[in-house]
Every structure is written in C-alpha cells, then in structure tokens.
Amino acid sequence: MKRVKLFAMSVGLVALAGFCPIPMVAAEDGQNARQVVDAMLTQERAAELHRNKYAYLSQERSDRTGGHLWTERVVETSAGKMRMLIAEDGQPLSGDRAAAERARLQGIAEHPDAFEKSSAALKNDERHAKEMLDLLPKAFLFENMRQEGEFVKIDFRPNPAYVTQSMEERVLHGMSGSLLVDQRVMRLRGIEGRLPEDVSIGFGLVATIKAGSNFDTTRERVYGTEWKTQTLDTDINGRAIFFKMIGRKEHAVHSDFKVVPDGISVADAVSMLEK
C-alpha cells in the first residue's frame, strides 16, 4: 500500500476538564469505535499475508520530482518498485530524455542487485506504514464514530497512558486525526492527521517537527479483497541535529492498477514498462 510511503498518523493534546466523570454515552462511543478499529486492523493484517504485485500509473509532485509533476509507469517487484518517467508537467519527455530514461532502465535490468540496495529506503517507508498501523491500538484513543457517506469515520487522539518507545513514536504520538473505515469489509479507506503543536526531541537539539505537519491518504479496492493507495498527501516540516532541514512534501495519485506475476523479475518489469 502504499508508499505510503509515510503511512504517518495524527493526534493532539486534549485537556480533561476538572474531575468530571466521563459520560456513559462517551464511554460507549469510545468502546464501539475501538471495536471497529480492532476489527479493521485484524483484516488489514490478514490481507498483508497475501498481497499481489501491481503495475499502475502514478502522478507525483514531491521533493523527489524537484517540484515538477511526474507521470510514471510503475511495476512492483520483490526487489522494489520499478518506475519509468513518461511525462513532466503534462508534457511527454523529449526524444533525448526519453532515450536516457530507457538507458537508465536497461542499466537496472543489467545490475538488479544495485537497484535492490537503492530500494531499501522505499522498503523502510512501507515498514513504517505497517508499524503505524500496529501503533494505533496501543498509542491512541478512539471517539466520535459517525457515518460519512458509505464509510464510518472515527477520530483518534493520543492515549496519555502510552509511553513512547522511540523518537519516531514520539512524533506519531503527537498527532491527532481520523480514520475512514469501510465497515462492510472492515478495511481502511483512509487516514489523516496533523500535529497541533511542535514536537521536540532532546529539548529541540536532536529534532523538532513543526506544528501543522500533516498527512492524508486514501485507498481503493483494486482487485478481489485487495486495497491500494489511491491518493497521498504529506507535508512534514522540521529541523534535525546540526540544523539540517528534514522536510517531506508529496502529492501523489495512483490509478489504472493491474495485477502482475508475483515472481516478476527486475528485467521482466523493465520490459513491461517499455511496452
């Protein structure tokens, strides 16, 4: 799913008013919302065990594209995602640039080991997305479950009783947001979140993630019981140690999903992209 490329989450600081007891209605709402989230996570984990590989069309504007809108053909392989740039800012690549792109792909086909190593960062992004889903039931509280069209929307906020285990969890636990669940099949339709205030690590000396940093991703059912990332918007701002900027901005739309053979090789993926 995606990339999800930072499949990240959101939750804000909430002040509890005095010593007033929690109303029974609110307690029941939270319990029901938690049951829906638990059922959804069970389905997501089961689906993770049986995932097909896909080819699809991607339109992305991000730090990776230098702020340009790239249209790419993408083929998933066990070594990573193969990408072929076919247009920039709505214009097909020039002859020379298209030839250079094909030469780049041929180099990958001839040296797949190097490509696999360069894909490690992407695989880490996918691992982080899974870790975020795993973190949901431990680090967040759920409330305000309501119908939104054909889906159920559930808000989440930090569980004050949870002790974060890493710097990454510190950032995630500072966010607030909402989940969109297809209750008919108990699958995640979307998740959005935002940091309501700065999150500092090491009194700001190690890192500071700025308030307003946010993400929003939606998924669609593409084949059988499988869901894939349809849209992804990420805007993370901050500074890390030695005052180095740590920004991640991305807007991506994926479409035209087609199943490819599970054991597809890097060379076969290149051939598929070039057709």
Protein backbone atom coordinates (compact mmCIF):
# COMPACT_ATOMS: atom_id res chain seq x y z
CA MET A 1 0.00 0.00 0.00
CA LYS A 2 1.44 2.40 -0.13
CA ARG A 3 4.08 4.08 -0.17
CA VAL A 4 2.70 5.06 1.77
CA LYS A 5 5.04 5.84 1.51
CA LEU A 6 4.93 7.60 5.41
CA PHE A 7 1.61 5.79 6.05
CA ALA A 8 2.14 8.76 9.40
CA MET A 9 -0.66 9.39 11.95
CA SER A 10 -2.03 12.31 13.93
CA VAL A 11 -3.16 13.18 17.41
CA GLY A 12 -3.31 16.34 19.53
CA LEU A 13 -3.08 17.21 23.20
CA VAL A 14 -6.51 17.14 24.84
CA ALA A 15 -7.27 18.80 28.20
CA LEU A 16 -9.55 16.91 30.55
CA ALA A 17 -11.94 19.23 32.35
CA GLY A 18 -11.59 19.09 36.14
CA PHE A 19 -12.66 15.86 37.80
CA CYS A 20 -15.94 15.43 35.91
CA PRO A 21 -16.74 11.78 35.24
CA ILE A 22 -16.84 10.65 31.59
CA PRO A 23 -20.47 10.45 30.42
CA MET A 24 -21.73 6.94 29.73
CA VAL A 25 -22.58 7.88 26.13
CA ALA A 26 -18.98 8.99 25.51
CA ALA A 27 -17.62 5.79 27.08
CA GLU A 28 -19.87 3.64 24.90
CA ASP A 29 -18.90 5.63 21.81
CA GLY A 30 -15.21 5.06 22.52
CA GLN A 31 -15.75 1.35 23.14
CA ASN A 32 -17.69 0.89 19.91
CA ALA A 33 -15.12 2.86 17.94
CA ARG A 34 -12.31 0.73 19.40
CA GLN A 35 -14.14 -2.45 18.38
CA VAL A 36 -14.40 -1.22 14.78
CA VAL A 37 -10.71 -0.25 14.73
CA ASP A 38 -9.66 -3.63 16.15
CA ALA A 39 -11.76 -5.48 13.56
CA MET A 40 -10.29 -3.35 10.77
CA LEU A 41 -6.72 -3.97 11.93
CA THR A 42 -7.37 -7.73 12.06
CA GLN A 43 -8.47 -7.63 8.42
CA GLU A 44 -5.52 -5.48 7.38
CA ARG A 45 -3.02 -7.86 8.99
CA ALA A 46 -4.63 -10.87 7.32
CA ALA A 47 -4.54 -9.11 3.93
CA GLU A 48 -0.86 -8.29 4.41
CA LEU A 49 -0.05 -12.02 4.25
CA HIS A 50 -1.48 -12.39 0.72
CA ARG A 51 -0.55 -9.41 -1.42
CA ASN A 52 -0.32 -9.36 -5.21
CA LYS A 53 2.16 -7.26 -7.16
CA TYR A 54 0.73 -4.49 -9.36
CA ALA A 55 1.50 -2.25 -12.30
CA TYR A 56 -0.12 1.19 -12.23
CA LEU A 57 0.10 4.80 -13.36
CA SER A 58 1.45 7.39 -10.91
CA GLN A 59 1.28 11.18 -10.95
CA GLU A 60 3.50 12.74 -8.30
CA ARG A 61 4.74 16.17 -7.27
CA SER A 62 7.30 15.95 -4.44
CA ASP A 63 10.83 16.60 -3.25
CA ARG A 64 11.86 13.58 -5.34
CA THR A 65 10.49 15.17 -8.53
CA GLY A 66 12.04 18.56 -7.80
CA GLY A 67 8.57 20.10 -7.51
CA HIS A 68 7.60 19.01 -11.03
CA LEU A 69 4.57 16.84 -11.78
CA TRP A 70 5.91 13.48 -12.93
CA THR A 71 3.78 10.92 -14.71
CA GLU A 72 5.33 7.47 -14.35
CA ARG A 73 4.54 3.87 -15.14
CA VAL A 74 5.24 1.74 -12.06
CA VAL A 75 5.71 -2.03 -11.69
CA GLU A 76 6.08 -3.63 -8.26
CA THR A 77 8.70 -6.38 -7.87
CA SER A 78 10.10 -8.21 -4.86
CA ALA A 79 13.25 -6.06 -5.24
CA GLY A 80 11.32 -2.78 -5.21
CA LYS A 81 9.19 -0.54 -7.40
CA MET A 82 10.37 -0.05 -10.95
CA ARG A 83 9.47 3.38 -12.36
CA MET A 84 9.56 4.78 -15.88
CA LEU A 85 9.11 8.53 -16.33
CA ILE A 86 6.91 9.26 -19.36
CA ALA A 87 5.87 12.90 -18.87
CA GLU A 88 6.76 16.01 -16.85
CA ASP A 89 4.29 18.79 -16.07
CA GLY A 90 1.85 17.29 -18.55
CA GLN A 91 4.33 17.17 -21.45
CA PRO A 92 5.80 13.92 -22.88
CA LEU A 93 9.56 13.57 -22.48
CA SER A 94 11.71 14.86 -25.32
CA GLY A 95 13.42 12.31 -27.52
CA ASP A 96 16.80 12.65 -25.81
CA ARG A 97 15.32 12.50 -22.33
CA ALA A 98 13.11 9.51 -23.18
CA ALA A 99 16.18 7.71 -24.56
CA ALA A 100 18.10 8.48 -21.35
CA GLU A 101 15.23 7.08 -19.29
CA ARG A 102 15.24 3.85 -21.29
CA ALA A 103 19.02 3.60 -20.91
CA ARG A 104 18.63 4.04 -17.15
CA LEU A 105 16.14 1.17 -17.04
CA GLN A 106 18.38 -1.07 -19.11
CA GLY A 107 21.20 -0.39 -16.65
CA ILE A 108 18.92 -1.51 -13.80
CA ALA A 109 17.98 -4.68 -15.71
CA GLU A 110 21.66 -5.50 -16.14
CA HIS A 111 22.53 -4.77 -12.49
CA PRO A 112 19.43 -5.68 -10.41
CA ASP A 113 21.48 -6.08 -7.21
CA ALA A 114 22.37 -2.39 -7.20
CA PHE A 115 18.71 -1.50 -7.74
CA GLU A 116 17.64 -3.65 -4.82
CA LYS A 117 20.05 -1.85 -2.50
CA SER A 118 18.83 1.56 -3.68
CA SER A 119 15.24 0.49 -2.92
CA ALA A 120 15.97 -0.03 0.78
CA ALA A 121 14.61 3.42 1.71
CA LEU A 122 11.32 2.68 0.00
CA LYS A 123 11.00 -0.63 1.81
CA ASN A 124 11.64 1.23 5.07
CA ASP A 125 8.75 3.57 4.24
CA GLU A 126 6.48 0.55 3.76
CA ARG A 127 7.68 -0.94 7.04
CA HIS A 128 6.99 2.34 8.81
CA ALA A 129 3.44 2.36 7.45
CA LYS A 130 2.86 -1.09 8.93
CA GLU A 131 4.39 -0.01 12.24
CA MET A 132 1.98 2.91 12.34
CA LEU A 133 -0.99 0.60 11.99
CA ASP A 134 0.46 -1.58 14.75
CA LEU A 135 0.86 1.52 16.92
CA LEU A 136 -2.77 2.63 16.56
CA PRO A 137 -4.40 0.38 19.20
CA LYS A 138 -1.60 0.94 21.72
CA ALA A 139 -0.94 4.66 21.49
CA PHE A 140 -4.29 6.22 20.64
CA LEU A 141 -7.83 6.59 21.90
CA PHE A 142 -10.81 6.50 19.54
CA GLU A 143 -14.02 8.52 19.67
CA ASN A 144 -16.76 10.36 17.76
CA MET A 145 -17.66 7.48 15.44
CA ARG A 146 -20.11 8.64 12.77
CA GLN A 147 -21.31 7.83 9.28
CA GLU A 148 -19.70 9.65 6.37
CA GLY A 149 -21.30 8.57 3.13
CA GLU A 150 -20.81 4.82 2.78
CA PHE A 151 -17.94 4.78 5.29
CA VAL A 152 -17.52 5.13 9.06
CA LYS A 153 -15.30 7.95 10.33
CA ILE A 154 -13.52 7.67 13.69
CA ASP A 155 -11.39 10.34 15.37
CA PHE A 156 -8.22 9.40 17.24
CA ARG A 157 -6.08 11.22 19.81
CA PRO A 158 -3.05 10.25 21.93
CA ASN A 159 -3.51 7.80 24.75
CA PRO A 160 -1.86 9.67 27.67
CA ALA A 161 -1.09 6.35 29.36
CA TYR A 162 1.13 5.17 26.50
CA VAL A 163 4.90 5.57 26.90
CA THR A 164 6.59 6.02 23.52
CA GLN A 165 9.41 3.64 22.67
CA SER A 166 11.33 5.59 20.02
CA MET A 167 11.85 9.06 18.52
CA GLU A 168 9.56 8.11 15.65
CA GLU A 169 6.81 7.13 18.07
CA ARG A 170 7.25 10.47 19.86
CA VAL A 171 6.33 12.26 16.65
CA LEU A 172 3.44 9.95 15.76
CA HIS A 173 2.06 10.16 19.29
CA GLY A 174 1.92 13.94 18.97
CA MET A 175 -0.62 13.78 16.17
CA SER A 176 -4.41 13.77 16.06
CA GLY A 177 -6.67 12.82 13.20
CA SER A 178 -9.28 10.45 11.85
CA LEU A 179 -9.72 7.07 10.21
CA LEU A 180 -12.17 6.20 7.45
CA VAL A 181 -13.29 2.55 7.54
CA ASP A 182 -15.33 0.53 5.06
CA GLN A 183 -17.41 -1.29 7.66
CA ARG A 184 -18.84 -3.73 5.11
CA VAL A 185 -15.45 -5.44 4.75
CA MET A 186 -13.64 -3.84 7.72
CA ARG A 187 -10.87 -2.31 5.61
CA LEU A 188 -9.08 1.02 5.96
CA ARG A 189 -10.33 3.52 3.38
CA GLY A 190 -8.25 6.45 4.57
CA ILE A 191 -6.31 8.10 7.38
CA GLU A 192 -5.44 11.73 8.01
CA GLY A 193 -3.57 13.50 10.75
CA ARG A 194 -1.94 16.73 11.86
CA LEU A 195 0.49 17.95 14.52
CA PRO A 196 -1.29 20.65 16.54
CA GLU A 197 1.99 21.88 18.06
CA ASP A 198 5.75 21.38 17.69
CA VAL A 199 7.23 18.06 18.79
CA SER A 200 10.77 18.47 20.14
CA ILE A 201 13.23 15.67 20.82
CA GLY A 202 16.19 16.28 23.11
CA PHE A 203 14.87 19.75 24.01
CA GLY A 204 14.92 20.55 20.30
CA LEU A 205 18.63 19.80 19.93
CA VAL A 206 18.08 16.45 18.21
CA ALA A 207 14.97 17.27 16.18
CA THR A 208 11.88 19.43 16.05
CA ILE A 209 8.88 18.58 13.89
CA LYS A 210 6.83 21.69 13.26
CA ALA A 211 3.17 22.22 14.16
CA GLY A 212 0.93 21.90 11.12
CA SER A 213 2.88 18.95 9.69
CA ASN A 214 0.24 16.66 8.24
CA PHE A 215 -0.64 13.72 6.02
CA ASP A 216 -3.75 12.44 4.27
CA THR A 217 -4.05 9.18 2.34
CA THR A 218 -6.95 7.32 0.75
CA ARG A 219 -7.15 3.79 -0.58
CA GLU A 220 -9.40 1.96 -3.02
CA ARG A 221 -10.30 -1.65 -3.64
CA VAL A 222 -8.46 -2.72 -6.79
CA TYR A 223 -8.80 -6.50 -7.09
CA GLY A 224 -10.74 -9.06 -5.07
CA THR A 225 -10.15 -8.18 -1.43
CA GLU A 226 -7.03 -6.08 -2.09
CA TRP A 227 -6.77 -2.34 -1.46
CA LYS A 228 -4.07 0.03 -2.75
CA THR A 229 -3.14 3.65 -2.08
CA GLN A 230 -5.08 5.95 -4.39
CA THR A 231 -4.00 9.38 -3.15
CA LEU A 232 -1.24 10.51 -0.80
CA ASP A 233 -0.56 13.99 0.57
CA THR A 234 2.29 14.56 3.00
CA ASP A 235 3.72 17.82 4.36
CA ILE A 236 6.28 17.31 7.15
CA ASN A 237 8.49 20.20 8.24
CA GLY A 238 11.22 20.50 10.83
CA ARG A 239 14.90 20.51 11.72
CA ALA A 240 17.16 17.70 12.83
CA ILE A 241 20.55 17.62 14.54
CA PHE A 242 23.15 20.12 13.21
CA PHE A 243 20.23 22.27 11.94
CA LYS A 244 19.72 20.14 8.86
CA MET A 245 16.24 20.54 7.38
CA ILE A 246 14.04 17.45 7.40
CA GLY A 247 11.20 18.11 5.00
CA ARG A 248 8.97 15.68 3.17
CA LYS A 249 6.39 17.07 0.78
CA GLU A 250 4.47 14.85 -1.61
CA HIS A 251 1.23 14.75 -3.55
CA ALA A 252 0.60 11.54 -5.48
CA VAL A 253 -2.33 9.96 -7.33
CA HIS A 254 -2.24 6.30 -8.41
CA SER A 255 -4.59 4.74 -10.95
CA ASP A 256 -5.10 2.02 -13.57
CA PHE A 257 -3.99 -0.87 -11.32
CA LYS A 258 -3.26 -4.24 -12.98
CA VAL A 259 -2.04 -7.44 -11.33
CA VAL A 260 1.40 -8.68 -12.46
CA PRO A 261 3.02 -12.10 -11.85
CA ASP A 262 4.13 -12.45 -8.22
CA GLY A 263 7.62 -13.62 -9.14
CA ILE A 264 8.23 -10.94 -11.78
CA SER A 265 11.93 -10.19 -12.19
CA VAL A 266 13.50 -6.76 -12.49
CA ALA A 267 14.31 -7.47 -16.15
CA ASP A 268 10.72 -8.51 -16.89
CA ALA A 269 9.44 -5.39 -15.14
CA VAL A 270 11.69 -3.25 -17.37
CA SER A 271 10.30 -4.98 -20.45
CA MET A 272 6.76 -4.35 -19.24
CA LEU A 273 7.46 -0.66 -18.62
CA GLU A 274 8.96 -0.17 -22.09
CA LYS A 275 5.97 -1.60 -23.97
